[in-house]
Protein backbone atom coordinates (compact mmCIF):
# COMPACT_ATOMS: atom_id res chain seq x y z
CA MET A 1 70.16 143.13 31.65
CA MET A 2 69.40 139.61 32.82
CA ILE A 3 69.61 138.63 36.49
CA HIS A 4 69.46 135.01 37.57
CA PHE A 5 69.05 133.58 41.06
CA SER A 6 69.09 129.93 42.08
CA PRO A 7 67.59 128.75 45.37
CA ILE A 8 70.05 127.41 47.94
CA GLY A 9 67.40 125.62 49.96
CA VAL A 10 63.78 125.53 51.09
CA ILE A 11 62.05 127.20 54.04
CA HIS A 12 59.63 125.11 56.09
CA THR A 13 56.80 126.60 58.15
CA PRO A 14 53.28 125.53 59.19
CA TYR A 15 51.75 128.07 56.76
CA ILE A 16 50.30 126.67 53.54
CA GLU A 17 48.19 129.54 52.13
CA ASP A 18 48.58 132.56 54.41
CA ALA A 19 51.44 133.68 56.63
CA PRO A 20 51.04 136.19 59.45
CA PHE A 21 52.57 139.63 59.11
CA GLN A 22 52.54 140.59 62.78
CA HIS A 23 53.69 138.82 65.94
CA TYR A 24 55.03 135.83 64.03
CA GLU A 25 58.37 135.61 65.87
CA GLU A 26 56.79 133.73 68.78
CA ALA A 27 54.41 131.63 66.70
CA GLU A 28 54.00 127.99 67.61
CA GLY A 29 54.97 125.28 65.22
CA LEU A 30 58.04 123.94 63.48
CA PHE A 31 60.12 126.49 61.56
CA PHE A 32 63.34 125.55 59.82
CA ILE A 33 65.48 126.27 56.81
CA GLU A 34 66.80 123.32 54.88
CA LEU A 35 69.85 124.12 52.79
CA PHE A 36 70.61 121.93 49.84
CA LYS A 37 73.36 119.55 50.92
CA GLU A 38 75.96 121.07 48.59
CA TYR A 39 75.78 124.30 50.63
CA LYS A 40 76.04 122.72 54.10
CA GLN A 41 79.67 123.78 54.58
CA GLY A 42 78.50 127.40 54.31
CA LEU A 43 76.86 127.00 57.73
CA TYR A 44 80.23 126.70 59.48
CA LEU A 45 80.23 128.96 62.61
CA LEU A 46 76.79 130.41 61.82
CA ASP A 47 75.66 128.94 65.15
CA ARG A 48 77.79 131.57 66.90
CA PHE A 49 75.17 134.18 65.94
CA ARG A 50 71.74 134.54 67.59
CA TYR A 51 69.91 136.01 64.60
CA ILE A 52 69.99 135.75 60.83
CA TYR A 53 68.56 137.60 57.86
CA ILE A 54 66.68 135.34 55.48
CA LEU A 55 66.24 136.34 51.84
CA PHE A 56 63.65 134.37 49.92
CA TYR A 57 61.68 134.29 46.69
CA MET A 58 57.95 134.91 47.22
CA ASP A 59 56.80 132.42 44.63
CA ARG A 60 53.07 132.42 45.42
CA LEU A 61 52.02 136.05 45.48
CA LYS A 62 48.45 136.51 44.33
CA LYS A 63 48.08 140.29 44.36
CA PRO A 64 49.61 142.65 41.80
CA TRP A 65 52.05 145.34 42.89
CA HIS A 66 51.27 149.07 42.73
CA LEU A 67 53.64 152.02 43.14
CA ARG A 68 51.21 153.80 45.49
CA VAL A 69 49.56 151.72 48.20
CA HIS A 70 47.40 151.99 51.33
CA PRO A 71 49.30 149.93 53.93
CA HIS A 72 47.61 148.18 56.82
CA ARG A 73 49.28 150.42 59.41
CA GLY A 74 48.52 153.58 57.40
CA HIS A 75 44.86 153.95 58.43
CA GLY A 76 43.89 154.92 54.88
CA MET A 77 47.05 156.90 54.11
CA GLU A 78 48.60 156.49 50.66
CA VAL A 79 52.36 155.94 50.51
CA GLY A 80 54.87 154.76 47.92
CA LEU A 81 55.53 151.04 47.59
CA PHE A 82 59.15 151.47 48.65
CA ALA A 83 58.02 153.13 51.89
CA THR A 84 56.28 149.89 52.90
CA ARG A 85 57.10 146.34 53.77
CA SER A 86 54.32 145.03 51.53
CA PRO A 87 55.02 141.59 50.08
CA ASN A 88 53.56 142.69 46.73
CA ARG A 89 56.77 143.90 45.09
CA ILE A 90 58.10 144.49 41.59
CA ASN A 91 60.74 141.86 42.35
CA PRO A 92 59.18 139.41 44.83
CA ILE A 93 62.18 139.10 47.13
CA GLY A 94 61.37 138.73 50.81
CA LEU A 95 63.51 139.64 53.79
CA THR A 96 62.96 138.67 57.40
CA THR A 97 64.99 138.10 60.54
CA ALA A 98 64.84 135.05 62.76
CA ARG A 99 66.44 133.75 65.91
CA ILE A 100 68.55 130.63 65.50
CA PHE A 101 67.53 127.91 67.96
CA ARG A 102 69.91 125.26 66.68
CA ILE A 103 71.63 123.99 63.57
CA GLU A 104 71.59 120.27 62.80
CA ASN A 105 73.29 118.98 59.70
CA ASN A 106 71.88 121.17 56.86
CA ARG A 107 68.90 122.50 58.85
CA ILE A 108 68.60 125.75 60.76
CA TYR A 109 65.76 125.64 63.32
CA THR A 110 64.43 129.15 63.92
CA SER A 111 61.86 131.27 65.68
CA GLY A 112 58.58 131.89 63.86
CA LEU A 113 58.73 133.13 60.28
CA ASP A 114 56.31 135.13 58.14
CA ILE A 115 56.89 132.83 55.17
CA LEU A 116 54.83 130.17 53.41
CA ASP A 117 55.93 126.53 53.60
CA SER A 118 58.26 125.31 50.83
CA THR A 119 59.34 128.84 49.87
CA PRO A 120 62.63 128.95 47.93
CA LEU A 121 65.57 130.26 49.99
CA LEU A 122 67.88 132.73 48.21
CA ASP A 123 70.41 133.60 50.91
CA ILE A 124 71.20 133.76 54.62
CA LYS A 125 73.27 136.45 56.32
CA PRO A 126 74.16 136.83 59.99
CA TYR A 127 72.59 139.69 61.92
CA VAL A 128 75.58 141.52 63.41
CA ALA A 129 74.57 143.83 66.26
CA ASP A 130 77.13 146.61 65.81
CA VAL A 131 76.55 146.75 62.04
CA ASP A 132 72.83 146.06 61.69
CA MET A 133 71.36 147.84 64.71
CA LYS A 134 70.76 151.50 63.95
CA PRO A 135 70.02 153.39 67.20
CA ASP A 136 68.71 156.44 65.33
CA ALA A 137 66.19 154.46 63.25
CA ASN A 138 62.66 155.84 63.30
CA MET A 139 59.12 154.80 62.41
CA GLY A 140 58.78 157.08 59.36
CA TRP A 141 55.15 157.61 58.31
CA ILE A 142 54.00 154.90 60.75
CA ASP A 143 54.60 157.19 63.74
CA PRO A 144 55.45 160.72 62.52
CA GLU A 145 55.20 162.11 66.06
CA ARG A 146 58.45 160.43 67.04
CA GLU A 147 61.53 162.60 66.82
CA GLY A 148 63.36 162.36 63.51
CA SER A 149 60.48 160.99 61.46
CA VAL A 150 60.14 162.02 57.85
CA PRO A 151 57.53 164.60 56.78
CA MET A 152 53.98 163.45 56.18
CA PRO A 153 52.99 162.38 52.64
CA GLY A 154 52.43 165.31 50.35
CA ALA A 155 55.94 166.67 50.76
CA PHE A 156 57.00 164.48 47.81
CA SER A 157 55.80 165.38 44.36
CA ASP A 158 56.16 163.62 41.03
């Protein structure tokens, strides 16, 4: 099976080589998404939303992916790749949310992003509160003491 994606724009941030993975929403600097002009009409009424999902192609990953990893927040714990938000993925597709500050022409000015400058944009979707907010969401292995968290690693076997 062959899958093909084409970028619909470019993401602009102050980050050339490394992007932060924590507390980036309030980062200082200029952050905007520039859609290719042929897609500008797709922005119609997007400014009625406060937040968007941004899907992008992580075109400059330097580390290989592994199915079992030791995430930063895991304090040495090993977990499966799909139980993390690691950027090192089998398919390097990134997902983040951002607040829309304003839309001008084919540009969406946003809050801080955890994305490198000139990253190819794959898609934009509105964040819709009554659909996207899950009040029973938990912290999984990150905070297993919270009610409703999944069992600690070791409960899953190959």
